[in-house]
Amino acid sequence: MLKNLHCLRNNMEQRGCRVQATVLIAMLLCAMLTIPSAQANGPVDVQFVGVNSLTYSGADENAVLTSNTTVRQGDRLHLEIPVENIGASAQTASIMLEIRQATWNETVFFEGVSIDSMTTEVLVYLSSTDVIEGELEVEMSINGTSTEQNDSIHVGPPPLPNVHLDIELATENYLAGDLIQFNLTSTNANGERAFDGTLVCTFLGEEAFNETLYVGIGQNVVRSLEIHARPGVLECLYGGDRNQTTPTPV
């Protein structure tokens, strides 16, 4: 009988060990399940403020902003990206930014950005190359999270002159075949920069005027040409520089 009691005791102890081991494993599994997976992946409380908060500007290679009201061809892209921490404690995040245009692209990383609780950090990016006229795409993400933000803007042409031409017949009385004079007045009243090119005029398919022309912002420049009076169209065009407007024939 004592032998049977001894065996029963051993069986109970073995079962108790197995029960304790089972409980311990279950507790470990529960503890693992309660650990937030986001903590292992990345800072879930860090997020982008939104595309409407992005600030696009034109700048030079020293990050000095230009006077352009929008980003224009020839500028460096100056981009401000607000990132906020909506959590109760400070967090550190790494942000990837990718810029793409038809002829170039650039990827940069903002590593180890520390953001205090309930505050916003503004990241500043300056492109290493000049932007070109056309579409510019922006993609950004916070490493270790699923947080992404995409945007795009249209880069305008470089600042242009806005030269208008006024052709005025200066000779009052004349007959067919007489030598007559025209005044050619070029005005750059609303240009964004000076015009530095040429003015070429043709009459009946022949070149009647061809001179270099510089018209500063807000300036008027008057040139004169002479031709013999006969029926025909005098047409003058600017060349050698981009211009917002094109003269019309008279």
C-alpha atoms as a PDB file:
ATOM      1  CA  MET A   1       0.000   0.000   0.000  1.00  0.00           C
ATOM      2  CA  LEU A   2       2.861   2.382   0.803  1.00  0.00           C
ATOM      3  CA  LYS A   3       4.308   1.599  -2.589  1.00  0.00           C
ATOM      4  CA  ASN A   4       1.037   2.549  -4.277  1.00  0.00           C
ATOM      5  CA  LEU A   5       0.885   5.837  -2.358  1.00  0.00           C
ATOM      6  CA  HIS A   6       4.452   6.627  -3.399  1.00  0.00           C
ATOM      7  CA  CYS A   7       3.615   6.048  -7.072  1.00  0.00           C
ATOM      8  CA  LEU A   8       0.492   8.200  -6.788  1.00  0.00           C
ATOM      9  CA  ARG A   9       2.564  11.017  -5.297  1.00  0.00           C
ATOM     10  CA  ASN A  10       5.109  10.828  -8.123  1.00  0.00           C
ATOM     11  CA  ASN A  11       2.339  10.922 -10.726  1.00  0.00           C
ATOM     12  CA  MET A  12       0.774  13.985  -9.115  1.00  0.00           C
ATOM     13  CA  GLU A  13       4.121  15.804  -8.985  1.00  0.00           C
ATOM     14  CA  GLN A  14       4.778  15.069 -12.653  1.00  0.00           C
ATOM     15  CA  ARG A  15       1.322  16.293 -13.593  1.00  0.00           C
ATOM     16  CA  GLY A  16       1.870  19.421 -11.494  1.00  0.00           C
ATOM     17  CA  CYS A  17       5.107  20.155 -13.329  1.00  0.00           C
ATOM     18  CA  ARG A  18       3.383  19.753 -16.654  1.00  0.00           C
ATOM     19  CA  VAL A  19       0.565  22.082 -15.569  1.00  0.00           C
ATOM     20  CA  GLN A  20       3.059  24.700 -14.360  1.00  0.00           C
ATOM     21  CA  ALA A  21       4.996  24.479 -17.615  1.00  0.00           C
ATOM     22  CA  THR A  22       1.787  24.832 -19.621  1.00  0.00           C
ATOM     23  CA  VAL A  23       0.734  27.905 -17.612  1.00  0.00           C
ATOM     24  CA  LEU A  24       4.186  29.469 -18.041  1.00  0.00           C
ATOM     25  CA  ILE A  25       4.122  28.988 -21.832  1.00  0.00           C
ATOM     26  CA  ALA A  26       0.619  30.460 -22.010  1.00  0.00           C
ATOM     27  CA  MET A  27       1.741  33.508 -20.015  1.00  0.00           C
ATOM     28  CA  LEU A  28       4.700  34.041 -22.332  1.00  0.00           C
ATOM     29  CA  LEU A  29       2.465  33.811 -25.394  1.00  0.00           C
ATOM     30  CA  CYS A  30       0.033  36.333 -23.924  1.00  0.00           C
ATOM     31  CA  ALA A  31       2.877  38.712 -23.105  1.00  0.00           C
ATOM     32  CA  MET A  32       4.175  38.480 -26.665  1.00  0.00           C
ATOM     33  CA  LEU A  33       0.714  39.150 -28.076  1.00  0.00           C
ATOM     34  CA  THR A  34       0.254  42.243 -25.916  1.00  0.00           C
ATOM     35  CA  ILE A  35       3.458  43.902 -27.215  1.00  0.00           C
ATOM     36  CA  PRO A  36       2.336  46.483 -29.820  1.00  0.00           C
ATOM     37  CA  SER A  37       3.668  45.377 -33.181  1.00  0.00           C
ATOM     38  CA  ALA A  38       4.060  49.008 -34.264  1.00  0.00           C
ATOM     39  CA  GLN A  39       6.757  49.576 -31.656  1.00  0.00           C
ATOM     40  CA  ALA A  40       8.883  46.989 -33.408  1.00  0.00           C
ATOM     41  CA  ASN A  41       8.128  48.465 -36.835  1.00  0.00           C
ATOM     42  CA  GLY A  42       8.285  52.206 -36.352  1.00  0.00           C
ATOM     43  CA  PRO A  43       6.973  55.349 -34.619  1.00  0.00           C
ATOM     44  CA  VAL A  44       3.200  55.116 -35.135  1.00  0.00           C
ATOM     45  CA  ASP A  45       2.547  58.522 -33.556  1.00  0.00           C
ATOM     46  CA  VAL A  46       4.692  60.334 -36.131  1.00  0.00           C
ATOM     47  CA  GLN A  47       2.844  61.439 -39.250  1.00  0.00           C
ATOM     48  CA  PHE A  48       2.877  63.975 -42.065  1.00  0.00           C
ATOM     49  CA  VAL A  49       0.713  67.028 -41.445  1.00  0.00           C
ATOM     50  CA  GLY A  50      -0.726  66.833 -44.986  1.00  0.00           C
ATOM     51  CA  VAL A  51      -0.080  67.822 -48.601  1.00  0.00           C
ATOM     52  CA  ASN A  52      -1.706  71.223 -48.075  1.00  0.00           C
ATOM     53  CA  SER A  53       0.988  72.034 -45.523  1.00  0.00           C
ATOM     54  CA  LEU A  54       3.864  71.410 -47.952  1.00  0.00           C
ATOM     55  CA  THR A  55       5.626  74.622 -48.987  1.00  0.00           C
ATOM     56  CA  TYR A  56       7.237  74.736 -52.442  1.00  0.00           C
ATOM     57  CA  SER A  57       9.582  77.606 -53.278  1.00  0.00           C
ATOM     58  CA  GLY A  58      12.273  78.444 -55.782  1.00  0.00           C
ATOM     59  CA  ALA A  59      15.778  79.037 -54.457  1.00  0.00           C
ATOM     60  CA  ASP A  60      19.376  79.342 -55.595  1.00  0.00           C
ATOM     61  CA  GLU A  61      22.154  76.856 -54.826  1.00  0.00           C
ATOM     62  CA  ASN A  62      22.689  78.553 -51.441  1.00  0.00           C
ATOM     63  CA  ALA A  63      19.031  78.034 -50.442  1.00  0.00           C
ATOM     64  CA  VAL A  64      18.276  81.749 -50.812  1.00  0.00           C
ATOM     65  CA  LEU A  65      14.680  82.038 -52.005  1.00  0.00           C
ATOM     66  CA  THR A  66      14.082  83.704 -55.363  1.00  0.00           C
ATOM     67  CA  SER A  67      11.559  86.456 -56.019  1.00  0.00           C
ATOM     68  CA  ASN A  68       9.438  84.100 -58.129  1.00  0.00           C
ATOM     69  CA  THR A  69       5.936  83.567 -56.779  1.00  0.00           C
ATOM     70  CA  THR A  70       6.043  79.922 -57.909  1.00  0.00           C
ATOM     71  CA  VAL A  71       8.754  77.369 -58.689  1.00  0.00           C
ATOM     72  CA  ARG A  72      10.164  78.124 -62.137  1.00  0.00           C
ATOM     73  CA  GLN A  73      12.600  76.471 -64.499  1.00  0.00           C
ATOM     74  CA  GLY A  74      16.161  77.225 -63.433  1.00  0.00           C
ATOM     75  CA  ASP A  75      15.290  77.318 -59.723  1.00  0.00           C
ATOM     76  CA  ARG A  76      16.455  74.848 -57.129  1.00  0.00           C
ATOM     77  CA  LEU A  77      13.466  73.266 -55.409  1.00  0.00           C
ATOM     78  CA  HIS A  78      13.115  74.402 -51.793  1.00  0.00           C
ATOM     79  CA  LEU A  79      10.571  72.161 -50.036  1.00  0.00           C
ATOM     80  CA  GLU A  80       9.377  72.378 -46.428  1.00  0.00           C
ATOM     81  CA  ILE A  81       7.783  69.207 -44.990  1.00  0.00           C
ATOM     82  CA  PRO A  82       6.010  69.432 -41.603  1.00  0.00           C
ATOM     83  CA  VAL A  83       6.081  66.179 -39.601  1.00  0.00           C
ATOM     84  CA  GLU A  84       4.178  65.928 -36.315  1.00  0.00           C
ATOM     85  CA  ASN A  85       4.223  63.674 -33.262  1.00  0.00           C
ATOM     86  CA  ILE A  86       0.718  63.194 -31.871  1.00  0.00           C
ATOM     87  CA  GLY A  87       1.864  60.781 -29.158  1.00  0.00           C
ATOM     88  CA  ALA A  88       2.422  61.256 -25.438  1.00  0.00           C
ATOM     89  CA  SER A  89       6.201  60.802 -25.592  1.00  0.00           C
ATOM     90  CA  ALA A  90       9.103  61.895 -27.768  1.00  0.00           C
ATOM     91  CA  GLN A  91       9.782  59.697 -30.781  1.00  0.00           C
ATOM     92  CA  THR A  92      12.506  59.328 -33.376  1.00  0.00           C
ATOM     93  CA  ALA A  93      11.722  58.751 -37.035  1.00  0.00           C
ATOM     94  CA  SER A  94      13.526  58.448 -40.356  1.00  0.00           C
ATOM     95  CA  ILE A  95      11.892  59.904 -43.456  1.00  0.00           C
ATOM     96  CA  MET A  96      12.577  59.057 -47.087  1.00  0.00           C
ATOM     97  CA  LEU A  97      11.899  61.667 -49.785  1.00  0.00           C
ATOM     98  CA  GLU A  98      11.949  61.075 -53.538  1.00  0.00           C
ATOM     99  CA  ILE A  99      11.735  63.824 -56.166  1.00  0.00           C
ATOM    100  CA  ARG A 100      11.178  62.985 -59.843  1.00  0.00           C
ATOM    101  CA  GLN A 101      11.104  64.886 -63.108  1.00  0.00           C
ATOM    102  CA  ALA A 102      11.366  63.747 -66.707  1.00  0.00           C
ATOM    103  CA  THR A 103      15.144  64.182 -66.882  1.00  0.00           C
ATOM    104  CA  TRP A 104      16.274  63.671 -63.277  1.00  0.00           C
ATOM    105  CA  ASN A 105      15.358  62.211 -59.898  1.00  0.00           C
ATOM    106  CA  GLU A 106      16.756  62.389 -56.397  1.00  0.00           C
ATOM    107  CA  THR A 107      16.249  60.380 -53.192  1.00  0.00           C
ATOM    108  CA  VAL A 108      17.241  61.721 -49.773  1.00  0.00           C
ATOM    109  CA  PHE A 109      16.903  60.387 -46.222  1.00  0.00           C
ATOM    110  CA  PHE A 110      16.269  62.382 -43.060  1.00  0.00           C
ATOM    111  CA  GLU A 111      17.765  60.039 -40.467  1.00  0.00           C
ATOM    112  CA  GLY A 112      17.029  60.049 -36.734  1.00  0.00           C
ATOM    113  CA  VAL A 113      14.604  62.960 -36.625  1.00  0.00           C
ATOM    114  CA  SER A 114      13.664  63.485 -32.958  1.00  0.00           C
ATOM    115  CA  ILE A 115      10.211  64.980 -32.369  1.00  0.00           C
ATOM    116  CA  ASP A 116       8.895  65.870 -28.911  1.00  0.00           C
ATOM    117  CA  SER A 117       5.397  64.914 -27.845  1.00  0.00           C
ATOM    118  CA  MET A 118       2.611  66.952 -29.473  1.00  0.00           C
ATOM    119  CA  THR A 119       5.036  69.041 -31.542  1.00  0.00           C
ATOM    120  CA  THR A 120       5.834  69.521 -35.225  1.00  0.00           C
ATOM    121  CA  GLU A 121       9.236  69.374 -36.902  1.00  0.00           C
ATOM    122  CA  VAL A 122       9.711  71.021 -40.315  1.00  0.00           C
ATOM    123  CA  LEU A 123      12.132  69.207 -42.614  1.00  0.00           C
ATOM    124  CA  VAL A 124      13.796  71.323 -45.310  1.00  0.00           C
ATOM    125  CA  TYR A 125      14.914  69.899 -48.654  1.00  0.00           C
ATOM    126  CA  LEU A 126      16.957  71.694 -51.327  1.00  0.00           C
ATOM    127  CA  SER A 127      17.410  69.954 -54.671  1.00  0.00           C
ATOM    128  CA  SER A 128      20.948  69.403 -55.900  1.00  0.00           C
ATOM    129  CA  THR A 129      19.980  70.325 -59.466  1.00  0.00           C
ATOM    130  CA  ASP A 130      17.845  72.941 -61.207  1.00  0.00           C
ATOM    131  CA  VAL A 131      14.246  71.997 -61.898  1.00  0.00           C
ATOM    132  CA  ILE A 132      12.879  72.067 -65.434  1.00  0.00           C
ATOM    133  CA  GLU A 133       9.559  73.189 -66.841  1.00  0.00           C
ATOM    134  CA  GLY A 134       6.878  70.517 -66.477  1.00  0.00           C
ATOM    135  CA  GLU A 135       5.514  68.059 -63.919  1.00  0.00           C
ATOM    136  CA  LEU A 136       7.411  67.397 -60.685  1.00  0.00           C
ATOM    137  CA  GLU A 137       6.405  64.421 -58.516  1.00  0.00           C
ATOM    138  CA  VAL A 138       7.038  64.075 -54.786  1.00  0.00           C
ATOM    139  CA  GLU A 139       6.863  60.886 -52.720  1.00  0.00           C
ATOM    140  CA  MET A 140       7.695  60.576 -49.029  1.00  0.00           C
ATOM    141  CA  SER A 141       7.358  57.912 -46.363  1.00  0.00           C
ATOM    142  CA  ILE A 142       8.214  57.303 -42.718  1.00  0.00           C
ATOM    143  CA  ASN A 143      10.508  54.293 -42.433  1.00  0.00           C
ATOM    144  CA  GLY A 144       9.167  51.361 -40.457  1.00  0.00           C
ATOM    145  CA  THR A 145       5.532  52.420 -40.902  1.00  0.00           C
ATOM    146  CA  SER A 146       2.918  52.399 -43.627  1.00  0.00           C
ATOM    147  CA  THR A 147       2.692  56.202 -43.553  1.00  0.00           C
ATOM    148  CA  GLU A 148       3.158  57.730 -47.005  1.00  0.00           C
ATOM    149  CA  GLN A 149       2.407  61.028 -48.700  1.00  0.00           C
ATOM    150  CA  ASN A 150       2.458  61.832 -52.424  1.00  0.00           C
ATOM    151  CA  ASP A 151       2.082  65.126 -54.230  1.00  0.00           C
ATOM    152  CA  SER A 152       2.951  66.848 -57.508  1.00  0.00           C
ATOM    153  CA  ILE A 153       3.343  70.387 -58.822  1.00  0.00           C
ATOM    154  CA  HIS A 154       3.831  72.011 -62.212  1.00  0.00           C
ATOM    155  CA  VAL A 155       7.119  73.852 -62.634  1.00  0.00           C
ATOM    156  CA  GLY A 156       6.565  76.965 -64.709  1.00  0.00           C
ATOM    157  CA  PRO A 157       8.785  78.346 -67.455  1.00  0.00           C
ATOM    158  CA  PRO A 158      11.748  80.503 -66.500  1.00  0.00           C
ATOM    159  CA  PRO A 159      10.954  84.148 -65.737  1.00  0.00           C
ATOM    160  CA  LEU A 160      10.162  85.742 -69.081  1.00  0.00           C
ATOM    161  CA  PRO A 161      10.049  89.237 -70.541  1.00  0.00           C
ATOM    162  CA  ASN A 162       6.700  90.445 -71.813  1.00  0.00           C
ATOM    163  CA  VAL A 163       7.646  92.674 -74.726  1.00  0.00           C
ATOM    164  CA  HIS A 164       4.917  94.211 -76.865  1.00  0.00           C
ATOM    165  CA  LEU A 165       5.592  95.916 -80.184  1.00  0.00           C
ATOM    166  CA  ASP A 166       3.804  98.980 -81.505  1.00  0.00           C
ATOM    167  CA  ILE A 167       4.410  99.765 -85.202  1.00  0.00           C
ATOM    168  CA  GLU A 168       3.621 103.361 -86.099  1.00  0.00           C
ATOM    169  CA  LEU A 169       3.816 104.973 -89.530  1.00  0.00           C
ATOM    170  CA  ALA A 170       5.775 108.182 -88.941  1.00  0.00           C
ATOM    171  CA  THR A 171       5.526 109.601 -92.490  1.00  0.00           C
ATOM    172  CA  GLU A 172       2.289 111.539 -92.934  1.00  0.00           C
ATOM    173  CA  ASN A 173       2.182 112.343 -96.662  1.00  0.00           C
ATOM    174  CA  TYR A 174       3.639 110.066 -99.298  1.00  0.00           C
ATOM    175  CA  LEU A 175       3.077 108.594-102.732  1.00  0.00           C
ATOM    176  CA  ALA A 176       3.714 105.127-104.068  1.00  0.00           C
ATOM    177  CA  GLY A 177       7.435 104.542-104.262  1.00  0.00           C
ATOM    178  CA  ASP A 178       8.299 107.230-101.709  1.00  0.00           C
ATOM    179  CA  LEU A 179      10.627 106.362 -98.838  1.00  0.00           C
ATOM    180  CA  ILE A 180       8.538 106.130 -95.680  1.00  0.00           C
ATOM    181  CA  GLN A 181       9.491 105.682 -92.039  1.00  0.00           C
ATOM    182  CA  PHE A 182       8.036 103.458 -89.330  1.00  0.00           C
ATOM    183  CA  ASN A 183       8.694 103.764 -85.592  1.00  0.00           C
ATOM    184  CA  LEU A 184       9.017 100.410 -83.813  1.00  0.00           C
ATOM    185  CA  THR A 185       8.320 100.789 -80.080  1.00  0.00           C
ATOM    186  CA  SER A 186       9.089  97.797 -77.852  1.00  0.00           C
ATOM    187  CA  THR A 187       7.599  97.927 -74.335  1.00  0.00           C
ATOM    188  CA  ASN A 188       8.403  95.528 -71.495  1.00  0.00           C
ATOM    189  CA  ALA A 189       5.893  96.878 -68.984  1.00  0.00           C
ATOM    190  CA  ASN A 190       4.879  93.651 -67.226  1.00  0.00           C
ATOM    191  CA  GLY A 191       7.886  91.444 -67.854  1.00  0.00           C
ATOM    192  CA  GLU A 192       9.559  89.361 -65.175  1.00  0.00           C
ATOM    193  CA  ARG A 193      13.003  90.125 -66.577  1.00  0.00           C
ATOM    194  CA  ALA A 194      14.672  92.075 -69.376  1.00  0.00           C
ATOM    195  CA  PHE A 195      14.439  91.031 -73.010  1.00  0.00           C
ATOM    196  CA  ASP A 196      17.827  90.482 -74.644  1.00  0.00           C
ATOM    197  CA  GLY A 197      17.442  89.338 -78.224  1.00  0.00           C
ATOM    198  CA  THR A 198      16.718  90.652 -81.704  1.00  0.00           C
ATOM    199  CA  LEU A 199      13.950  92.363 -83.634  1.00  0.00           C
ATOM    200  CA  VAL A 200      13.590  91.309 -87.267  1.00  0.00           C
ATOM    201  CA  CYS A 201      11.123  92.796 -89.759  1.00  0.00           C
ATOM    202  CA  THR A 202      10.299  91.603 -93.265  1.00  0.00           C
ATOM    203  CA  PHE A 203       8.378  93.314 -96.048  1.00  0.00           C
ATOM    204  CA  LEU A 204       7.185  91.468 -99.145  1.00  0.00           C
ATOM    205  CA  GLY A 205       9.389  88.525 -98.245  1.00  0.00           C
ATOM    206  CA  GLU A 206      12.547  90.628 -97.899  1.00  0.00           C
ATOM    207  CA  GLU A 207      14.347  91.534 -94.691  1.00  0.00           C
ATOM    208  CA  ALA A 208      13.788  95.210 -93.961  1.00  0.00           C
ATOM    209  CA  PHE A 209      15.148  95.424 -90.398  1.00  0.00           C
ATOM    210  CA  ASN A 210      17.397  93.273 -88.196  1.00  0.00           C
ATOM    211  CA  GLU A 211      18.914  94.622 -84.978  1.00  0.00           C
ATOM    212  CA  THR A 212      19.807  93.409 -81.511  1.00  0.00           C
ATOM    213  CA  LEU A 213      17.425  94.650 -78.855  1.00  0.00           C
ATOM    214  CA  TYR A 214      17.600  94.982 -75.079  1.00  0.00           C
ATOM    215  CA  VAL A 215      14.469  96.079 -73.221  1.00  0.00           C
ATOM    216  CA  GLY A 216      14.641  96.262 -69.439  1.00  0.00           C
ATOM    217  CA  ILE A 217      11.655  95.812 -67.148  1.00  0.00           C
ATOM    218  CA  GLY A 218       9.403  98.856 -67.455  1.00  0.00           C
ATOM    219  CA  GLN A 219      11.347 100.270 -70.410  1.00  0.00           C
ATOM    220  CA  ASN A 220      10.300 101.492 -73.857  1.00  0.00           C
ATOM    221  CA  VAL A 221      12.797 101.227 -76.719  1.00  0.00           C
ATOM    222  CA  VAL A 222      12.120 102.903 -80.078  1.00  0.00           C
ATOM    223  CA  ARG A 223      13.758 101.862 -83.347  1.00  0.00           C
ATOM    224  CA  SER A 224      13.082 103.186 -86.859  1.00  0.00           C
ATOM    225  CA  LEU A 225      13.051 101.573 -90.285  1.00  0.00           C
ATOM    226  CA  GLU A 226      12.540 102.941 -93.789  1.00  0.00           C
ATOM    227  CA  ILE A 227      11.004 101.211 -96.792  1.00  0.00           C
ATOM    228  CA  HIS A 228       9.575 102.321-100.117  1.00  0.00           C
ATOM    229  CA  ALA A 229       5.816 102.728-100.083  1.00  0.00           C
ATOM    230  CA  ARG A 230       3.999  99.955-101.908  1.00  0.00           C
ATOM    231  CA  PRO A 231       1.217  97.510-101.052  1.00  0.00           C
ATOM    232  CA  GLY A 232       2.343  94.747 -98.718  1.00  0.00           C
ATOM    233  CA  VAL A 233       2.546  93.472 -95.151  1.00  0.00           C
ATOM    234  CA  LEU A 234       5.258  94.575 -92.738  1.00  0.00           C
ATOM    235  CA  GLU A 235       5.865  91.785 -90.232  1.00  0.00           C
ATOM    236  CA  CYS A 236       8.146  92.095 -87.203  1.00  0.00           C
ATOM    237  CA  LEU A 237       9.133  89.290 -84.840  1.00  0.00           C
ATOM    238  CA  TYR A 238      11.285  89.034 -81.725  1.00  0.00           C
ATOM    239  CA  GLY A 239      13.993  86.385 -81.640  1.00  0.00           C
ATOM    240  CA  GLY A 240      17.040  85.256 -79.714  1.00  0.00           C
ATOM    241  CA  ASP A 241      15.170  85.182 -76.400  1.00  0.00           C
ATOM    242  CA  ARG A 242      11.943  83.742 -75.034  1.00  0.00           C
ATOM    243  CA  ASN A 243       9.068  86.165 -74.772  1.00  0.00           C
ATOM    244  CA  GLN A 244       5.521  85.904 -73.470  1.00  0.00           C
ATOM    245  CA  THR A 245       4.006  87.639 -76.493  1.00  0.00           C
ATOM    246  CA  THR A 246       4.676  87.743 -80.226  1.00  0.00           C
ATOM    247  CA  PRO A 247       4.158  90.858 -82.367  1.00  0.00           C
ATOM    248  CA  THR A 248       1.447  90.722 -84.990  1.00  0.00           C
ATOM    249  CA  PRO A 249       1.842  91.743 -88.636  1.00  0.00           C
ATOM    250  CA  VAL A 250       0.563  95.146 -89.797  1.00  0.00           C
END
